[in-house]
């Protein structure tokens, strides 16, 4: 299969439910706005590392109002304690 050969995974959203992809589209929009637009990358490796670094920042350092001014990981840990 072409996806396996390219080491890619098929989308897991439900058929005819485009709303399933909304949160991920929102994340990529934030990523592009905050760390991609206006920057020049000299290699694919540099871009991949920058994206990886941003994802770490987003999850562990970037405060979000919609999560009661916590990082996603802080919010997740609070949620896990309450469950």
PDB file of N, CA and C in Angstrom:
ATOM      1  N   UNK A   1       0.844  -1.184   0.000  1.00  0.00           N
ATOM      2  CA  UNK A   1       0.000   0.000   0.000  1.00  0.00           C
ATOM      3  C   UNK A   1       0.888   1.245   0.000  1.00  0.00           C
ATOM      4  N   UNK A   2       0.485   2.264  -0.736  1.00  0.00           N
ATOM      5  CA  UNK A   2       1.284   3.479  -0.863  1.00  0.00           C
ATOM      6  C   UNK A   2       1.490   4.187   0.474  1.00  0.00           C
ATOM      7  N   UNK A   3       0.463   4.229   1.324  1.00  0.00           N
ATOM      8  CA  UNK A   3       0.605   4.898   2.612  1.00  0.00           C
ATOM      9  C   UNK A   3       1.656   4.221   3.476  1.00  0.00           C
ATOM     10  N   UNK A   4       1.631   2.915   3.523  1.00  0.00           N
ATOM     11  CA  UNK A   4       2.617   2.180   4.314  1.00  0.00           C
ATOM     12  C   UNK A   4       4.021   2.383   3.767  1.00  0.00           C
ATOM     13  N   UNK A   5       4.162   2.358   2.454  1.00  0.00           N
ATOM     14  CA  UNK A   5       5.465   2.553   1.832  1.00  0.00           C
ATOM     15  C   UNK A   5       6.036   3.935   2.163  1.00  0.00           C
ATOM     16  N   UNK A   6       5.161   4.917   2.312  1.00  0.00           N
ATOM     17  CA  UNK A   6       5.587   6.280   2.649  1.00  0.00           C
ATOM     18  C   UNK A   6       5.627   6.508   4.162  1.00  0.00           C
ATOM     19  N   UNK A   7       5.366   5.455   4.931  1.00  0.00           N
ATOM     20  CA  UNK A   7       5.307   5.513   6.404  1.00  0.00           C
ATOM     21  C   UNK A   7       4.312   6.571   6.868  1.00  0.00           C
ATOM     22  N   UNK A   8       3.128   6.547   6.264  1.00  0.00           N
ATOM     23  CA  UNK A   8       2.059   7.487   6.607  1.00  0.00           C
ATOM     24  C   UNK A   8       0.862   6.711   7.131  1.00  0.00           C
ATOM     25  N   UNK A   9       0.013   7.412   7.900  1.00  0.00           N
ATOM     26  CA  UNK A   9      -1.216   6.815   8.409  1.00  0.00           C
ATOM     27  C   UNK A   9      -2.411   7.470   7.735  1.00  0.00           C
ATOM     28  N   UNK A  10      -3.419   6.678   7.477  1.00  0.00           N
ATOM     29  CA  UNK A  10      -4.645   7.191   6.877  1.00  0.00           C
ATOM     30  C   UNK A  10      -5.422   7.992   7.913  1.00  0.00           C
ATOM     31  N   UNK A  11      -6.128   8.989   7.468  1.00  0.00           N
ATOM     32  CA  UNK A  11      -6.954   9.797   8.348  1.00  0.00           C
ATOM     33  C   UNK A  11      -7.946   8.928   9.091  1.00  0.00           C
ATOM     34  N   UNK A  12      -8.191   9.284  10.341  1.00  0.00           N
ATOM     35  CA  UNK A  12      -9.118   8.516  11.160  1.00  0.00           C
ATOM     36  C   UNK A  12     -10.473   9.211  11.325  1.00  0.00           C
ATOM     37  N   UNK A  13     -10.693  10.299  10.623  1.00  0.00           N
ATOM     38  CA  UNK A  13     -11.973  10.974  10.757  1.00  0.00           C
ATOM     39  C   UNK A  13     -13.068  10.148  10.091  1.00  0.00           C
ATOM     40  N   UNK A  14     -14.279  10.356  10.551  1.00  0.00           N
ATOM     41  CA  UNK A  14     -15.413   9.606  10.021  1.00  0.00           C
ATOM     42  C   UNK A  14     -15.787  10.107   8.630  1.00  0.00           C
ATOM     43  N   UNK A  15     -16.266   9.218   7.813  1.00  0.00           N
ATOM     44  CA  UNK A  15     -16.699   9.572   6.462  1.00  0.00           C
ATOM     45  C   UNK A  15     -17.841  10.582   6.561  1.00  0.00           C
ATOM     46  N   UNK A  16     -17.769  11.629   5.768  1.00  0.00           N
ATOM     47  CA  UNK A  16     -18.794  12.678   5.678  1.00  0.00           C
ATOM     48  C   UNK A  16     -18.933  13.485   6.969  1.00  0.00           C
ATOM     49  N   UNK A  17     -17.896  13.525   7.795  1.00  0.00           N
ATOM     50  CA  UNK A  17     -17.892  14.326   9.019  1.00  0.00           C
ATOM     51  C   UNK A  17     -16.650  15.219   9.032  1.00  0.00           C
ATOM     52  N   UNK A  18     -16.641  16.219   8.167  1.00  0.00           N
ATOM     53  CA  UNK A  18     -15.466  17.078   8.042  1.00  0.00           C
ATOM     54  C   UNK A  18     -15.143  17.807   9.342  1.00  0.00           C
ATOM     55  N   UNK A  19     -16.106  17.948  10.220  1.00  0.00           N
ATOM     56  CA  UNK A  19     -15.889  18.645  11.495  1.00  0.00           C
ATOM     57  C   UNK A  19     -14.881  17.900  12.367  1.00  0.00           C
ATOM     58  N   UNK A  20     -14.700  16.588  12.132  1.00  0.00           N
ATOM     59  CA  UNK A  20     -13.731  15.803  12.905  1.00  0.00           C
ATOM     60  C   UNK A  20     -12.321  16.370  12.789  1.00  0.00           C
ATOM     61  N   UNK A  21     -12.006  16.991  11.685  1.00  0.00           N
ATOM     62  CA  UNK A  21     -10.660  17.491  11.425  1.00  0.00           C
ATOM     63  C   UNK A  21     -10.450  18.921  11.927  1.00  0.00           C
ATOM     64  N   UNK A  22     -11.471  19.567  12.408  1.00  0.00           N
ATOM     65  CA  UNK A  22     -11.398  20.966  12.815  1.00  0.00           C
ATOM     66  C   UNK A  22     -10.321  21.284  13.834  1.00  0.00           C
ATOM     67  N   UNK A  23     -10.232  20.547  14.948  1.00  0.00           N
ATOM     68  CA  UNK A  23      -9.196  20.865  15.940  1.00  0.00           C
ATOM     69  C   UNK A  23      -7.775  20.768  15.380  1.00  0.00           C
ATOM     70  N   UNK A  24      -7.529  19.781  14.544  1.00  0.00           N
ATOM     71  CA  UNK A  24      -6.184  19.638  13.970  1.00  0.00           C
ATOM     72  C   UNK A  24      -5.892  20.755  12.982  1.00  0.00           C
ATOM     73  N   UNK A  25      -6.881  21.126  12.186  1.00  0.00           N
ATOM     74  CA  UNK A  25      -6.697  22.252  11.261  1.00  0.00           C
ATOM     75  C   UNK A  25      -6.402  23.531  12.038  1.00  0.00           C
ATOM     76  N   UNK A  26      -7.096  23.721  13.157  1.00  0.00           N
ATOM     77  CA  UNK A  26      -6.848  24.888  13.994  1.00  0.00           C
ATOM     78  C   UNK A  26      -5.426  24.904  14.533  1.00  0.00           C
ATOM     79  N   UNK A  27      -4.948  23.735  14.995  1.00  0.00           N
ATOM     80  CA  UNK A  27      -3.580  23.648  15.507  1.00  0.00           C
ATOM     81  C   UNK A  27      -2.567  24.006  14.426  1.00  0.00           C
ATOM     82  N   UNK A  28      -2.721  23.442  13.227  1.00  0.00           N
ATOM     83  CA  UNK A  28      -1.764  23.738  12.155  1.00  0.00           C
ATOM     84  C   UNK A  28      -1.799  25.219  11.783  1.00  0.00           C
ATOM     85  N   UNK A  29      -2.973  25.839  11.851  1.00  0.00           N
ATOM     86  CA  UNK A  29      -3.061  27.271  11.587  1.00  0.00           C
ATOM     87  C   UNK A  29      -2.279  28.079  12.613  1.00  0.00           C
ATOM     88  N   UNK A  30      -2.398  27.706  13.886  1.00  0.00           N
ATOM     89  CA  UNK A  30      -1.645  28.391  14.945  1.00  0.00           C
ATOM     90  C   UNK A  30      -0.156  28.177  14.745  1.00  0.00           C
ATOM     91  N   UNK A  31       0.242  26.938  14.467  1.00  0.00           N
ATOM     92  CA  UNK A  31       1.658  26.627  14.253  1.00  0.00           C
ATOM     93  C   UNK A  31       2.228  27.467  13.121  1.00  0.00           C
ATOM     94  N   UNK A  32       1.523  27.522  11.999  1.00  0.00           N
ATOM     95  CA  UNK A  32       2.030  28.295  10.866  1.00  0.00           C
ATOM     96  C   UNK A  32       2.129  29.775  11.199  1.00  0.00           C
ATOM     97  N   UNK A  33       1.147  30.294  11.896  1.00  0.00           N
ATOM     98  CA  UNK A  33       1.145  31.715  12.238  1.00  0.00           C
ATOM     99  C   UNK A  33       2.264  32.054  13.227  1.00  0.00           C
ATOM    100  N   UNK A  34       2.501  31.183  14.206  1.00  0.00           N
ATOM    101  CA  UNK A  34       3.447  31.502  15.267  1.00  0.00           C
ATOM    102  C   UNK A  34       4.896  31.106  14.969  1.00  0.00           C
ATOM    103  N   UNK A  35       5.138  30.105  14.127  1.00  0.00           N
ATOM    104  CA  UNK A  35       6.526  29.690  13.932  1.00  0.00           C
ATOM    105  C   UNK A  35       6.940  29.471  12.488  1.00  0.00           C
ATOM    106  N   UNK A  36       6.058  29.621  11.534  1.00  0.00           N
ATOM    107  CA  UNK A  36       6.426  29.319  10.152  1.00  0.00           C
ATOM    108  C   UNK A  36       6.465  30.567   9.267  1.00  0.00           C
ATOM    109  N   UNK A  37       5.359  31.317   9.247  1.00  0.00           N
ATOM    110  CA  UNK A  37       5.308  32.487   8.373  1.00  0.00           C
ATOM    111  C   UNK A  37       6.383  33.490   8.770  1.00  0.00           C
ATOM    112  N   UNK A  38       7.116  33.980   7.790  1.00  0.00           N
ATOM    113  CA  UNK A  38       8.155  34.969   8.035  1.00  0.00           C
ATOM    114  C   UNK A  38       9.520  34.383   8.328  1.00  0.00           C
ATOM    115  N   UNK A  39       9.608  33.067   8.439  1.00  0.00           N
ATOM    116  CA  UNK A  39      10.887  32.419   8.713  1.00  0.00           C
ATOM    117  C   UNK A  39      11.391  31.712   7.463  1.00  0.00           C
ATOM    118  N   UNK A  40      12.693  31.610   7.334  1.00  0.00           N
ATOM    119  CA  UNK A  40      13.325  30.885   6.225  1.00  0.00           C
ATOM    120  C   UNK A  40      13.990  29.632   6.793  1.00  0.00           C
ATOM    121  N   UNK A  41      13.732  28.502   6.190  1.00  0.00           N
ATOM    122  CA  UNK A  41      14.341  27.251   6.605  1.00  0.00           C
ATOM    123  C   UNK A  41      15.293  26.801   5.510  1.00  0.00           C
ATOM    124  N   UNK A  42      16.489  26.391   5.905  1.00  0.00           N
ATOM    125  CA  UNK A  42      17.510  26.042   4.929  1.00  0.00           C
ATOM    126  C   UNK A  42      17.538  24.555   4.592  1.00  0.00           C
ATOM    127  N   UNK A  43      16.802  23.749   5.365  1.00  0.00           N
ATOM    128  CA  UNK A  43      16.771  22.319   5.076  1.00  0.00           C
ATOM    129  C   UNK A  43      15.478  21.714   5.618  1.00  0.00           C
ATOM    130  N   UNK A  44      15.154  20.568   5.103  1.00  0.00           N
ATOM    131  CA  UNK A  44      13.985  19.831   5.585  1.00  0.00           C
ATOM    132  C   UNK A  44      14.175  19.446   7.053  1.00  0.00           C
ATOM    133  N   UNK A  45      15.412  19.069   7.405  1.00  0.00           N
ATOM    134  CA  UNK A  45      15.713  18.683   8.782  1.00  0.00           C
ATOM    135  C   UNK A  45      15.497  19.846   9.745  1.00  0.00           C
ATOM    136  N   UNK A  46      15.924  21.036   9.336  1.00  0.00           N
ATOM    137  CA  UNK A  46      15.726  22.217  10.182  1.00  0.00           C
ATOM    138  C   UNK A  46      14.233  22.482  10.381  1.00  0.00           C
ATOM    139  N   UNK A  47      13.461  22.376   9.312  1.00  0.00           N
ATOM    140  CA  UNK A  47      12.015  22.576   9.420  1.00  0.00           C
ATOM    141  C   UNK A  47      11.396  21.530  10.334  1.00  0.00           C
ATOM    142  N   UNK A  48      11.764  20.256  10.157  1.00  0.00           N
ATOM    143  CA  UNK A  48      11.209  19.180  10.987  1.00  0.00           C
ATOM    144  C   UNK A  48      11.557  19.396  12.458  1.00  0.00           C
ATOM    145  N   UNK A  49      12.789  19.802  12.750  1.00  0.00           N
ATOM    146  CA  UNK A  49      13.189  20.040  14.138  1.00  0.00           C
ATOM    147  C   UNK A  49      12.436  21.223  14.724  1.00  0.00           C
ATOM    148  N   UNK A  50      12.247  22.268  13.921  1.00  0.00           N
ATOM    149  CA  UNK A  50      11.515  23.449  14.390  1.00  0.00           C
ATOM    150  C   UNK A  50      10.065  23.090  14.702  1.00  0.00           C
ATOM    151  N   UNK A  51       9.441  22.272  13.866  1.00  0.00           N
ATOM    152  CA  UNK A  51       8.070  21.825  14.123  1.00  0.00           C
ATOM    153  C   UNK A  51       8.022  20.992  15.398  1.00  0.00           C
ATOM    154  N   UNK A  52       8.976  20.077  15.559  1.00  0.00           N
ATOM    155  CA  UNK A  52       9.029  19.254  16.767  1.00  0.00           C
ATOM    156  C   UNK A  52       9.185  20.120  18.016  1.00  0.00           C
ATOM    157  N   UNK A  53      10.074  21.104  17.956  1.00  0.00           N
ATOM    158  CA  UNK A  53      10.273  22.019  19.082  1.00  0.00           C
ATOM    159  C   UNK A  53       9.005  22.805  19.379  1.00  0.00           C
ATOM    160  N   UNK A  54       8.302  23.231  18.335  1.00  0.00           N
ATOM    161  CA  UNK A  54       7.075  23.998  18.539  1.00  0.00           C
ATOM    162  C   UNK A  54       5.992  23.137  19.186  1.00  0.00           C
ATOM    163  N   UNK A  55       5.873  21.902  18.756  1.00  0.00           N
ATOM    164  CA  UNK A  55       4.866  21.005  19.345  1.00  0.00           C
ATOM    165  C   UNK A  55       5.144  20.813  20.834  1.00  0.00           C
ATOM    166  N   UNK A  56       6.406  20.671  21.217  1.00  0.00           N
ATOM    167  CA  UNK A  56       6.757  20.585  22.638  1.00  0.00           C
ATOM    168  C   UNK A  56       6.342  21.875  23.353  1.00  0.00           C
ATOM    169  N   UNK A  57       6.709  23.021  22.782  1.00  0.00           N
ATOM    170  CA  UNK A  57       6.332  24.312  23.358  1.00  0.00           C
ATOM    171  C   UNK A  57       4.811  24.423  23.511  1.00  0.00           C
ATOM    172  N   UNK A  58       4.089  24.062  22.476  1.00  0.00           N
ATOM    173  CA  UNK A  58       2.623  24.162  22.484  1.00  0.00           C
ATOM    174  C   UNK A  58       2.027  23.323  23.611  1.00  0.00           C
ATOM    175  N   UNK A  59       2.527  22.121  23.798  1.00  0.00           N
ATOM    176  CA  UNK A  59       1.959  21.208  24.793  1.00  0.00           C
ATOM    177  C   UNK A  59       2.394  21.500  26.221  1.00  0.00           C
ATOM    178  N   UNK A  60       3.627  21.989  26.418  1.00  0.00           N
ATOM    179  CA  UNK A  60       4.178  22.104  27.762  1.00  0.00           C
ATOM    180  C   UNK A  60       4.415  23.524  28.255  1.00  0.00           C
ATOM    181  N   UNK A  61       4.385  24.530  27.370  1.00  0.00           N
ATOM    182  CA  UNK A  61       4.704  25.891  27.800  1.00  0.00           C
ATOM    183  C   UNK A  61       3.684  26.944  27.389  1.00  0.00           C
ATOM    184  N   UNK A  62       2.948  26.745  26.331  1.00  0.00           N
ATOM    185  CA  UNK A  62       2.042  27.764  25.794  1.00  0.00           C
ATOM    186  C   UNK A  62       0.721  27.760  26.565  1.00  0.00           C
ATOM    187  N   UNK A  63       0.482  28.815  27.318  1.00  0.00           N
ATOM    188  CA  UNK A  63      -0.765  28.932  28.084  1.00  0.00           C
ATOM    189  C   UNK A  63      -1.922  29.208  27.136  1.00  0.00           C
ATOM    190  N   UNK A  64      -3.088  28.647  27.462  1.00  0.00           N
ATOM    191  CA  UNK A  64      -4.260  28.813  26.610  1.00  0.00           C
ATOM    192  C   UNK A  64      -5.463  29.225  27.452  1.00  0.00           C
ATOM    193  N   UNK A  65      -6.064  30.309  27.062  1.00  0.00           N
ATOM    194  CA  UNK A  65      -7.241  30.810  27.789  1.00  0.00           C
ATOM    195  C   UNK A  65      -8.361  29.798  27.849  1.00  0.00           C
ATOM    196  N   UNK A  66      -8.605  29.102  26.745  1.00  0.00           N
ATOM    197  CA  UNK A  66      -9.718  28.144  26.722  1.00  0.00           C
ATOM    198  C   UNK A  66      -9.484  26.946  27.632  1.00  0.00           C
ATOM    199  N   UNK A  67      -8.245  26.801  28.146  1.00  0.00           N
ATOM    200  CA  UNK A  67      -7.918  25.729  29.090  1.00  0.00           C
ATOM    201  C   UNK A  67      -7.659  26.309  30.481  1.00  0.00           C
ATOM    202  N   UNK A  68      -8.391  27.352  30.825  1.00  0.00           N
ATOM    203  CA  UNK A  68      -8.262  28.015  32.135  1.00  0.00           C
ATOM    204  C   UNK A  68      -6.838  28.503  32.390  1.00  0.00           C
ATOM    205  N   UNK A  69      -6.208  29.057  31.375  1.00  0.00           N
ATOM    206  CA  UNK A  69      -4.856  29.601  31.413  1.00  0.00           C
ATOM    207  C   UNK A  69      -3.858  28.546  31.916  1.00  0.00           C
ATOM    208  N   UNK A  70      -3.954  27.367  31.324  1.00  0.00           N
ATOM    209  CA  UNK A  70      -3.004  26.285  31.583  1.00  0.00           C
ATOM    210  C   UNK A  70      -2.459  25.813  30.238  1.00  0.00           C
ATOM    211  N   UNK A  71      -1.383  25.053  30.300  1.00  0.00           N
ATOM    212  CA  UNK A  71      -0.890  24.406  29.090  1.00  0.00           C
ATOM    213  C   UNK A  71      -1.758  23.174  28.838  1.00  0.00           C
ATOM    214  N   UNK A  72      -1.747  22.638  27.623  1.00  0.00           N
ATOM    215  CA  UNK A  72      -2.527  21.415  27.382  1.00  0.00           C
ATOM    216  C   UNK A  72      -2.140  20.273  28.324  1.00  0.00           C
ATOM    217  N   UNK A  73      -0.861  20.121  28.639  1.00  0.00           N
ATOM    218  CA  UNK A  73      -0.455  19.039  29.534  1.00  0.00           C
ATOM    219  C   UNK A  73      -0.909  19.290  30.969  1.00  0.00           C
ATOM    220  N   UNK A  74      -0.853  20.532  31.431  1.00  0.00           N
ATOM    221  CA  UNK A  74      -1.364  20.848  32.768  1.00  0.00           C
ATOM    222  C   UNK A  74      -2.860  20.550  32.837  1.00  0.00           C
ATOM    223  N   UNK A  75      -3.583  20.956  31.807  1.00  0.00           N
ATOM    224  CA  UNK A  75      -5.023  20.714  31.766  1.00  0.00           C
ATOM    225  C   UNK A  75      -5.308  19.215  31.765  1.00  0.00           C
ATOM    226  N   UNK A  76      -4.554  18.468  30.974  1.00  0.00           N
ATOM    227  CA  UNK A  76      -4.731  17.019  30.916  1.00  0.00           C
ATOM    228  C   UNK A  76      -4.470  16.381  32.281  1.00  0.00           C
ATOM    229  N   UNK A  77      -3.427  16.834  32.975  1.00  0.00           N
ATOM    230  CA  UNK A  77      -3.117  16.278  34.290  1.00  0.00           C
ATOM    231  C   UNK A  77      -4.211  16.614  35.305  1.00  0.00           C
ATOM    232  N   UNK A  78      -4.755  17.828  35.252  1.00  0.00           N
ATOM    233  CA  UNK A  78      -5.877  18.194  36.136  1.00  0.00           C
ATOM    234  C   UNK A  78      -7.082  17.299  35.863  1.00  0.00           C
ATOM    235  N   UNK A  79      -7.361  17.087  34.576  1.00  0.00           N
ATOM    236  CA  UNK A  79      -8.500  16.260  34.172  1.00  0.00           C
ATOM    237  C   UNK A  79      -8.306  14.828  34.644  1.00  0.00           C
ATOM    238  N   UNK A  80      -7.092  14.315  34.519  1.00  0.00           N
ATOM    239  CA  UNK A  80      -6.806  12.938  34.909  1.00  0.00           C
ATOM    240  C   UNK A  80      -6.950  12.757  36.423  1.00  0.00           C
ATOM    241  N   UNK A  81      -6.566  13.757  37.196  1.00  0.00           N
ATOM    242  CA  UNK A  81      -6.705  13.689  38.662  1.00  0.00           C
ATOM    243  C   UNK A  81      -8.174  13.637  39.065  1.00  0.00           C
ATOM    244  N   UNK A  82      -8.996  14.389  38.356  1.00  0.00           N
ATOM    245  CA  UNK A  82     -10.426  14.484  38.696  1.00  0.00           C
ATOM    246  C   UNK A  82     -11.191  13.219  38.305  1.00  0.00           C
ATOM    247  N   UNK A  83     -10.673  12.473  37.365  1.00  0.00           N
ATOM    248  CA  UNK A  83     -11.390  11.286  36.869  1.00  0.00           C
ATOM    249  C   UNK A  83     -11.283  10.095  37.787  1.00  0.00           C
TER     250      UNK A  83
END
